[in-house]
N, C-alpha and C. Protein backbone atom coordinates (compact mmCIF):
# COMPACT_ATOMS: atom_id res chain seq x y z
N MET A 1 84.06 32.32 -3.74
CA MET A 1 83.12 33.12 -4.26
C MET A 1 82.75 33.53 -2.56
N GLU A 2 82.21 34.44 -2.41
CA GLU A 2 82.09 34.87 -0.83
C GLU A 2 80.55 35.63 -0.82
N PHE A 3 79.90 35.44 0.17
CA PHE A 3 78.86 36.20 0.13
C PHE A 3 78.92 37.03 1.27
N ILE A 4 79.00 38.27 1.48
CA ILE A 4 79.26 39.29 2.58
C ILE A 4 77.97 39.93 2.87
N PRO A 5 77.64 39.48 4.09
CA PRO A 5 76.26 40.15 4.85
C PRO A 5 76.45 41.95 5.13
N SER A 6 75.55 42.80 4.51
CA SER A 6 75.13 43.66 5.01
C SER A 6 75.30 43.83 6.26
N LYS A 7 76.20 44.87 7.22
CA LYS A 7 75.98 45.14 8.51
C LYS A 7 74.81 46.15 8.96
N ILE A 8 74.12 46.38 7.85
CA ILE A 8 72.81 47.76 7.77
C ILE A 8 71.80 46.71 7.23
N TYR A 9 71.36 46.07 6.62
CA TYR A 9 70.46 45.79 5.55
C TYR A 9 70.56 44.13 5.89
N SER A 10 69.33 43.32 6.62
CA SER A 10 69.60 41.73 7.26
C SER A 10 69.28 41.05 5.83
N ASN A 11 68.70 41.54 4.95
CA ASN A 11 68.36 40.91 3.71
C ASN A 11 69.00 41.60 2.18
N LEU A 12 70.48 41.33 2.70
CA LEU A 12 71.26 42.03 1.35
C LEU A 12 72.42 41.47 1.38
N TYR A 13 72.69 40.86 0.61
CA TYR A 13 74.09 39.72 0.49
C TYR A 13 74.46 40.66 -0.72
N ILE A 14 76.33 40.74 -0.68
CA ILE A 14 76.75 41.19 -1.85
C ILE A 14 78.09 40.01 -1.93
N VAL A 15 77.94 39.72 -3.46
CA VAL A 15 78.63 38.51 -3.63
C VAL A 15 79.83 38.92 -4.31
N LYS A 16 81.03 38.65 -3.83
CA LYS A 16 82.62 38.48 -3.90
C LYS A 16 82.83 37.55 -5.21
N ASN A 17 83.20 37.52 -6.48
CA ASN A 17 84.08 36.65 -6.95
C ASN A 17 82.81 35.48 -7.42
N PRO A 18 81.55 35.95 -7.79
CA PRO A 18 80.60 34.62 -7.73
C PRO A 18 81.04 33.41 -8.91
N VAL A 19 80.75 32.46 -8.70
CA VAL A 19 80.99 31.52 -9.85
C VAL A 19 80.73 31.38 -10.77
N LYS A 20 81.44 30.64 -11.49
CA LYS A 20 81.30 30.70 -13.08
C LYS A 20 80.00 29.75 -13.40
N GLY A 21 79.06 29.83 -14.22
CA GLY A 21 78.50 28.56 -14.74
C GLY A 21 77.14 28.79 -13.45
N ARG A 22 75.77 29.05 -14.24
CA ARG A 22 74.54 29.11 -13.98
C ARG A 22 73.96 28.40 -12.22
N GLU A 23 74.69 27.40 -12.82
CA GLU A 23 73.93 26.08 -11.89
C GLU A 23 74.72 26.24 -10.38
N LYS A 24 76.15 26.33 -10.40
CA LYS A 24 76.49 26.40 -9.66
C LYS A 24 75.96 27.43 -8.94
N LEU A 25 76.21 28.62 -9.06
CA LEU A 25 75.57 29.80 -8.74
C LEU A 25 74.50 29.32 -7.64
N TYR A 26 73.32 28.96 -8.75
CA TYR A 26 72.19 28.97 -8.37
C TYR A 26 72.03 27.69 -6.89
N GLN A 27 73.04 26.96 -7.00
CA GLN A 27 73.30 26.19 -6.05
C GLN A 27 73.54 26.96 -4.61
N ALA A 28 74.80 27.99 -4.72
CA ALA A 28 75.22 28.36 -3.63
C ALA A 28 74.16 29.35 -3.41
N ILE A 29 73.27 30.04 -4.16
CA ILE A 29 72.28 30.78 -3.63
C ILE A 29 71.52 30.21 -2.84
N LEU A 30 70.94 29.19 -3.30
CA LEU A 30 69.85 28.27 -2.53
C LEU A 30 70.17 27.76 -1.08
N TYR A 31 71.61 27.50 -0.97
CA TYR A 31 72.50 27.01 0.48
C TYR A 31 71.81 28.34 1.09
N LYS A 32 72.68 29.74 0.74
CA LYS A 32 72.54 30.84 1.57
C LYS A 32 70.92 31.48 1.75
N ILE A 33 70.03 30.88 1.27
CA ILE A 33 68.44 31.36 1.20
C ILE A 33 67.88 30.85 2.60
N LYS A 34 68.62 29.15 2.56
CA LYS A 34 68.15 28.25 3.38
C LYS A 34 68.84 28.63 4.83
N GLU A 35 70.05 28.96 4.59
CA GLU A 35 70.92 29.37 5.78
C GLU A 35 70.32 30.78 6.41
N HIS A 36 69.85 31.55 5.68
CA HIS A 36 69.39 32.76 5.67
C HIS A 36 68.28 32.78 6.67
N SER A 37 67.48 31.95 6.31
CA SER A 37 66.00 31.75 6.76
C SER A 37 66.34 31.14 7.84
N SER A 38 66.90 30.61 8.29
CA SER A 38 67.05 29.53 9.38
C SER A 38 67.96 30.33 10.80
N SER A 39 68.05 31.40 10.22
CA SER A 39 68.98 32.54 11.16
C SER A 39 67.67 33.41 11.68
N LYS A 40 68.64 33.94 12.86
CA LYS A 40 67.42 34.79 13.73
C LYS A 40 67.58 36.51 13.59
N HIS A 41 68.06 36.60 11.86
CA HIS A 41 68.61 37.66 11.56
C HIS A 41 67.75 38.15 10.33
N LEU A 42 66.19 37.96 10.92
CA LEU A 42 65.26 38.31 9.59
C LEU A 42 64.35 39.11 9.25
N LYS A 43 64.65 39.93 10.70
CA LYS A 43 64.06 41.24 10.24
C LYS A 43 65.11 42.16 10.87
N GLY A 44 65.04 43.53 10.41
CA GLY A 44 66.26 44.52 10.31
C GLY A 44 65.68 45.50 9.34
N LYS A 45 66.96 46.44 9.07
CA LYS A 45 66.15 47.55 8.32
C LYS A 45 66.01 46.97 6.65
N LYS A 46 65.13 48.20 6.28
CA LYS A 46 64.28 47.76 5.11
C LYS A 46 65.33 48.78 3.99
N LEU A 47 65.80 47.67 2.47
CA LEU A 47 66.35 48.74 1.48
C LEU A 47 65.03 49.62 0.97
N SER A 48 65.56 50.94 0.45
CA SER A 48 64.43 51.45 0.03
C SER A 48 63.84 51.00 -0.96
N TYR A 49 62.29 51.35 -1.66
CA TYR A 49 62.02 50.59 -2.63
C TYR A 49 61.94 49.14 -2.87
N THR A 50 62.01 48.31 -1.38
CA THR A 50 62.08 47.03 -1.91
C THR A 50 61.18 46.42 -1.05
N ARG A 51 60.78 44.98 -1.15
CA ARG A 51 59.88 44.54 -0.35
C ARG A 51 60.53 43.72 1.13
N GLU A 52 60.06 44.04 2.07
CA GLU A 52 60.19 43.64 2.95
C GLU A 52 60.99 42.13 3.29
N ASN A 53 59.87 41.28 2.60
CA ASN A 53 59.94 39.93 3.27
C ASN A 53 60.90 39.60 1.97
N ALA A 54 62.02 39.54 1.67
CA ALA A 54 62.24 39.38 0.69
C ALA A 54 64.45 39.21 1.01
N ILE A 55 65.09 38.51 -0.02
CA ILE A 55 66.44 38.74 0.49
C ILE A 55 67.21 38.87 -1.09
N TYR A 56 68.27 39.91 -1.16
CA TYR A 56 68.67 40.33 -2.06
C TYR A 56 69.96 39.88 -2.57
N PHE A 57 70.73 39.92 -3.45
CA PHE A 57 71.99 39.11 -3.90
C PHE A 57 72.24 40.06 -4.82
N TYR A 58 73.47 40.90 -4.68
CA TYR A 58 74.27 41.44 -5.87
C TYR A 58 75.75 41.51 -5.74
N GLU A 59 76.38 40.99 -6.83
CA GLU A 59 77.65 41.17 -7.17
C GLU A 59 78.20 42.87 -6.92
N TYR A 60 79.69 42.17 -6.12
CA TYR A 60 80.49 43.20 -5.30
C TYR A 60 80.92 44.11 -6.91
N GLY A 61 81.00 45.65 -6.97
CA GLY A 61 81.24 46.05 -7.94
C GLY A 61 80.97 47.33 -8.01
N GLY A 62 80.68 47.91 -9.58
CA GLY A 62 80.30 49.34 -9.76
C GLY A 62 80.98 50.40 -8.83
N ARG A 63 80.91 51.66 -9.40
CA ARG A 63 81.78 52.95 -8.83
C ARG A 63 81.63 53.69 -9.07
N THR A 64 81.32 54.77 -8.03
CA THR A 64 80.92 56.45 -8.78
C THR A 64 81.86 56.86 -7.47
N PHE A 65 81.67 58.46 -8.02
CA PHE A 65 82.58 59.42 -7.28
C PHE A 65 81.82 60.52 -6.84
N GLY A 66 82.15 60.91 -5.45
CA GLY A 66 81.58 61.58 -5.22
C GLY A 66 81.88 62.29 -3.68
N PHE A 67 81.56 63.04 -3.01
CA PHE A 67 81.81 63.50 -1.44
C PHE A 67 81.90 62.37 -0.84
N ILE A 68 81.27 61.19 -1.08
CA ILE A 68 81.15 60.12 -0.11
C ILE A 68 82.62 59.73 -0.77
N GLY A 69 83.25 59.84 -1.64
CA GLY A 69 84.72 59.07 -1.97
C GLY A 69 83.90 57.73 -2.80
N GLU A 70 84.61 56.87 -3.23
CA GLU A 70 84.42 55.61 -4.38
C GLU A 70 83.44 54.88 -3.39
N ALA A 71 82.59 54.95 -4.15
CA ALA A 71 81.34 53.51 -3.82
C ALA A 71 81.05 52.78 -4.79
N GLY A 72 80.35 51.89 -4.56
CA GLY A 72 79.48 50.86 -5.38
C GLY A 72 78.91 49.74 -4.47
N THR A 73 78.41 48.69 -5.00
CA THR A 73 77.63 47.90 -4.33
C THR A 73 78.19 47.48 -2.76
N GLY A 74 79.53 47.46 -2.91
CA GLY A 74 80.37 47.20 -1.60
C GLY A 74 80.11 48.35 -0.37
N TYR A 75 79.64 49.58 -0.96
CA TYR A 75 79.31 50.56 -0.02
C TYR A 75 78.06 50.35 0.79
N PHE A 76 77.09 49.30 0.64
CA PHE A 76 75.87 49.16 1.39
C PHE A 76 76.50 47.76 2.46
N ILE A 77 77.92 47.67 2.24
CA ILE A 77 77.67 46.36 3.39
C ILE A 77 77.77 47.70 4.54
N ASP A 78 78.82 48.13 4.77
CA ASP A 78 78.79 49.05 6.30
C ASP A 78 77.95 50.35 5.80
N HIS A 79 77.41 50.62 4.86
CA HIS A 79 76.49 52.07 4.96
C HIS A 79 74.98 52.05 4.69
N GLU A 80 74.33 53.07 5.10
CA GLU A 80 73.01 53.08 4.55
C GLU A 80 72.89 53.91 3.38
N GLU A 81 71.46 53.51 2.51
CA GLU A 81 71.48 54.36 1.41
C GLU A 81 71.38 55.96 1.62
N ASP A 82 71.77 56.73 0.87
CA ASP A 82 71.91 57.92 1.00
C ASP A 82 70.55 58.20 0.06
N LEU A 83 69.59 58.54 0.15
CA LEU A 83 68.55 58.99 -0.78
C LEU A 83 68.52 60.56 -1.18
N GLY A 84 69.05 61.43 -0.61
CA GLY A 84 68.77 62.80 -0.71
C GLY A 84 69.70 63.90 -0.75
N GLY A 85 69.73 64.98 -0.70
CA GLY A 85 70.67 65.90 -0.83
C GLY A 85 71.51 66.11 -2.16
N PHE A 86 72.55 66.66 -1.78
CA PHE A 86 73.18 67.03 -3.22
C PHE A 86 73.66 65.97 -4.05
N VAL A 87 74.19 64.91 -3.32
CA VAL A 87 74.64 63.25 -3.49
C VAL A 87 73.82 62.39 -3.22
N SER A 88 73.27 61.08 -3.62
CA SER A 88 72.88 60.30 -3.12
C SER A 88 73.38 58.75 -3.32
N GLU A 89 73.14 58.02 -2.68
CA GLU A 89 73.92 56.60 -3.11
C GLU A 89 72.78 55.59 -2.50
N GLU A 90 71.92 54.79 -3.46
CA GLU A 90 71.00 54.11 -3.71
C GLU A 90 71.28 52.56 -4.27
N LEU A 91 71.04 51.67 -3.52
CA LEU A 91 71.35 50.35 -4.28
C LEU A 91 70.91 50.22 -5.53
N GLY A 92 69.24 50.82 -5.86
CA GLY A 92 68.93 50.72 -7.26
C GLY A 92 69.63 51.50 -7.93
N MET A 93 70.84 52.01 -7.93
CA MET A 93 71.72 52.79 -8.54
C MET A 93 72.28 51.44 -9.79
N TYR A 94 72.56 50.22 -8.84
CA TYR A 94 73.57 49.17 -9.62
C TYR A 94 72.75 48.27 -9.97
N ARG A 95 71.63 48.48 -10.54
CA ARG A 95 70.66 47.50 -11.04
C ARG A 95 71.80 46.29 -11.71
N ASP A 96 72.91 46.75 -12.48
CA ASP A 96 73.49 45.70 -13.63
C ASP A 96 74.31 44.87 -12.57
N TYR A 97 74.16 45.50 -11.57
CA TYR A 97 74.97 44.04 -10.16
C TYR A 97 74.11 43.61 -9.89
N ARG A 98 72.76 43.30 -9.97
CA ARG A 98 71.70 42.53 -9.17
C ARG A 98 71.68 40.80 -9.99
N ILE A 99 71.83 39.56 -8.66
CA ILE A 99 72.27 38.64 -9.29
C ILE A 99 70.76 38.05 -9.15
N THR A 100 70.19 38.13 -8.13
CA THR A 100 69.03 37.60 -8.09
C THR A 100 68.12 37.96 -6.88
N GLU A 101 66.89 38.35 -6.80
CA GLU A 101 65.87 38.82 -5.49
C GLU A 101 64.81 37.17 -5.32
N PHE A 102 65.05 37.04 -4.31
CA PHE A 102 64.16 36.14 -3.48
C PHE A 102 63.08 36.89 -2.80
N TYR A 103 62.29 36.33 -3.16
CA TYR A 103 60.81 36.36 -2.34
C TYR A 103 59.91 35.40 -1.42
N TYR A 104 60.02 35.40 -0.29
CA TYR A 104 58.94 34.71 0.29
C TYR A 104 57.49 34.57 0.23
N ILE A 105 57.24 33.63 -0.13
CA ILE A 105 55.69 32.90 0.42
C ILE A 105 55.30 32.51 1.35
N ASN A 106 54.21 33.16 2.03
CA ASN A 106 53.72 32.55 3.33
C ASN A 106 53.76 31.64 3.33
N THR A 107 54.19 30.59 4.26
CA THR A 107 53.27 29.31 4.56
C THR A 107 53.49 28.91 5.48
N THR A 108 52.15 29.15 6.30
CA THR A 108 51.80 29.07 7.97
C THR A 108 51.72 27.85 8.03
N GLU A 109 51.33 26.61 7.39
CA GLU A 109 51.10 25.51 7.64
C GLU A 109 52.60 24.53 8.59
N GLN A 110 53.96 25.00 7.63
CA GLN A 110 54.99 24.36 8.41
C GLN A 110 55.89 25.26 8.38
N ALA A 111 55.96 25.56 9.64
CA ALA A 111 57.29 26.76 10.04
C ALA A 111 58.75 26.60 9.28
N ASP A 112 59.20 24.76 8.71
CA ASP A 112 60.30 24.40 8.92
C ASP A 112 60.48 24.75 7.41
N LYS A 113 59.89 24.76 6.75
CA LYS A 113 59.87 24.97 5.11
C LYS A 113 60.32 26.33 4.61
N VAL A 114 60.68 26.68 3.52
CA VAL A 114 61.11 27.83 2.91
C VAL A 114 60.43 27.78 1.56
N CYS A 115 59.75 28.76 0.89
CA CYS A 115 59.03 28.73 -0.12
C CYS A 115 59.10 30.29 -0.54
N GLY A 116 59.18 30.33 -1.87
CA GLY A 116 59.30 31.51 -2.49
C GLY A 116 59.73 31.68 -4.06
N GLU A 117 59.87 33.02 -4.41
CA GLU A 117 59.81 33.00 -5.82
C GLU A 117 61.46 33.75 -5.77
N LEU A 118 62.39 32.83 -7.39
CA LEU A 118 63.70 33.70 -7.18
C LEU A 118 63.36 33.94 -8.51
N ASN A 119 63.96 35.46 -8.79
CA ASN A 119 63.95 36.25 -9.67
C ASN A 119 65.65 36.20 -10.22
N TRP A 120 66.32 36.21 -11.13
CA TRP A 120 67.07 35.84 -11.96
C TRP A 120 67.67 36.74 -12.54
N PHE A 121 68.49 37.65 -12.75
CA PHE A 121 68.89 38.83 -13.36
C PHE A 121 70.72 38.83 -14.15
N GLU A 122 70.50 39.16 -15.43
CA GLU A 122 71.98 39.13 -15.83
C GLU A 122 72.31 40.86 -16.39
N GLU A 123 73.54 41.39 -15.94
CA GLU A 123 73.53 42.67 -16.08
C GLU A 123 72.01 43.42 -16.18
N GLY A 124 71.27 43.34 -15.26
CA GLY A 124 70.27 44.16 -14.34
C GLY A 124 69.20 43.52 -15.39
N ILE A 125 69.14 42.92 -16.30
CA ILE A 125 67.87 42.32 -17.44
C ILE A 125 67.42 41.00 -16.77
N PHE A 126 65.83 41.08 -16.53
CA PHE A 126 65.30 39.85 -15.95
C PHE A 126 65.43 38.80 -16.67
N ILE A 127 66.03 37.54 -16.66
CA ILE A 127 66.40 36.21 -17.25
C ILE A 127 65.46 35.14 -17.28
N LYS A 128 64.75 35.17 -15.82
CA LYS A 128 63.82 33.78 -15.42
C LYS A 128 63.38 34.30 -14.41
N LYS A 129 62.31 33.42 -13.90
CA LYS A 129 61.67 33.07 -12.50
C LYS A 129 61.35 31.60 -11.89
N ASP A 130 61.79 30.92 -10.92
CA ASP A 130 61.65 30.01 -10.42
C ASP A 130 60.98 29.93 -8.92
N THR A 131 59.67 29.14 -8.98
CA THR A 131 59.22 29.14 -7.52
C THR A 131 60.05 27.48 -6.93
N ILE A 132 59.99 28.22 -5.52
CA ILE A 132 60.89 27.00 -4.84
C ILE A 132 59.85 26.88 -3.52
N CYS A 133 60.12 25.62 -3.38
CA CYS A 133 58.84 25.60 -1.98
C CYS A 133 59.19 24.02 -1.47
N ASN A 134 59.19 23.84 -0.16
CA ASN A 134 59.61 22.75 0.19
C ASN A 134 60.65 22.57 0.52
N LEU A 135 61.65 23.45 0.64
CA LEU A 135 62.93 23.35 0.97
C LEU A 135 63.01 23.58 2.22
N LYS A 136 63.67 21.98 3.27
CA LYS A 136 63.49 22.44 4.67
C LYS A 136 64.67 23.56 4.95
N THR A 137 64.72 23.78 6.00
CA THR A 137 65.72 24.60 6.67
C THR A 137 66.42 23.88 7.61
N TYR A 138 67.62 24.37 8.21
CA TYR A 138 68.05 23.66 9.06
C TYR A 138 68.82 24.76 10.30
N LYS A 139 69.26 23.64 11.25
CA LYS A 139 69.35 24.58 11.82
C LYS A 139 71.11 25.18 12.24
N LEU A 140 71.30 26.34 12.39
CA LEU A 140 72.97 26.61 12.41
C LEU A 140 73.40 26.20 13.94
N ASN A 141 74.66 25.82 13.87
CA ASN A 141 75.59 25.65 14.71
C ASN A 141 75.93 26.41 15.85
């Protein structure tokens, strides 16, 4: 499994070859959330129609063909969403590839804690929500 960060959107990860089994995937995403929260890349360009204070995980895949060539979720690793004109390309077109969305809950008492809501999806359909709190972040080397 590989988490590929978008070069455009600091809160988007495209996941190549996700591990089988929900528990292993869950643990890998929790680790990536803690790692992301410890980084200095918390602010950046915002995805269209999304919350700013969140992290988005999409599986690598999906294909569209048009003037921009072959696209899919991998398109957003190097490119911005294109919301208008004759052809559009936006992440919302790939809802079936959504794995999870993590929404931060503000915790002003302790800055070294990560708290939030984790929404899980299978083939674009919401399946469950977890509230995660008091996960200590750690310093990256």
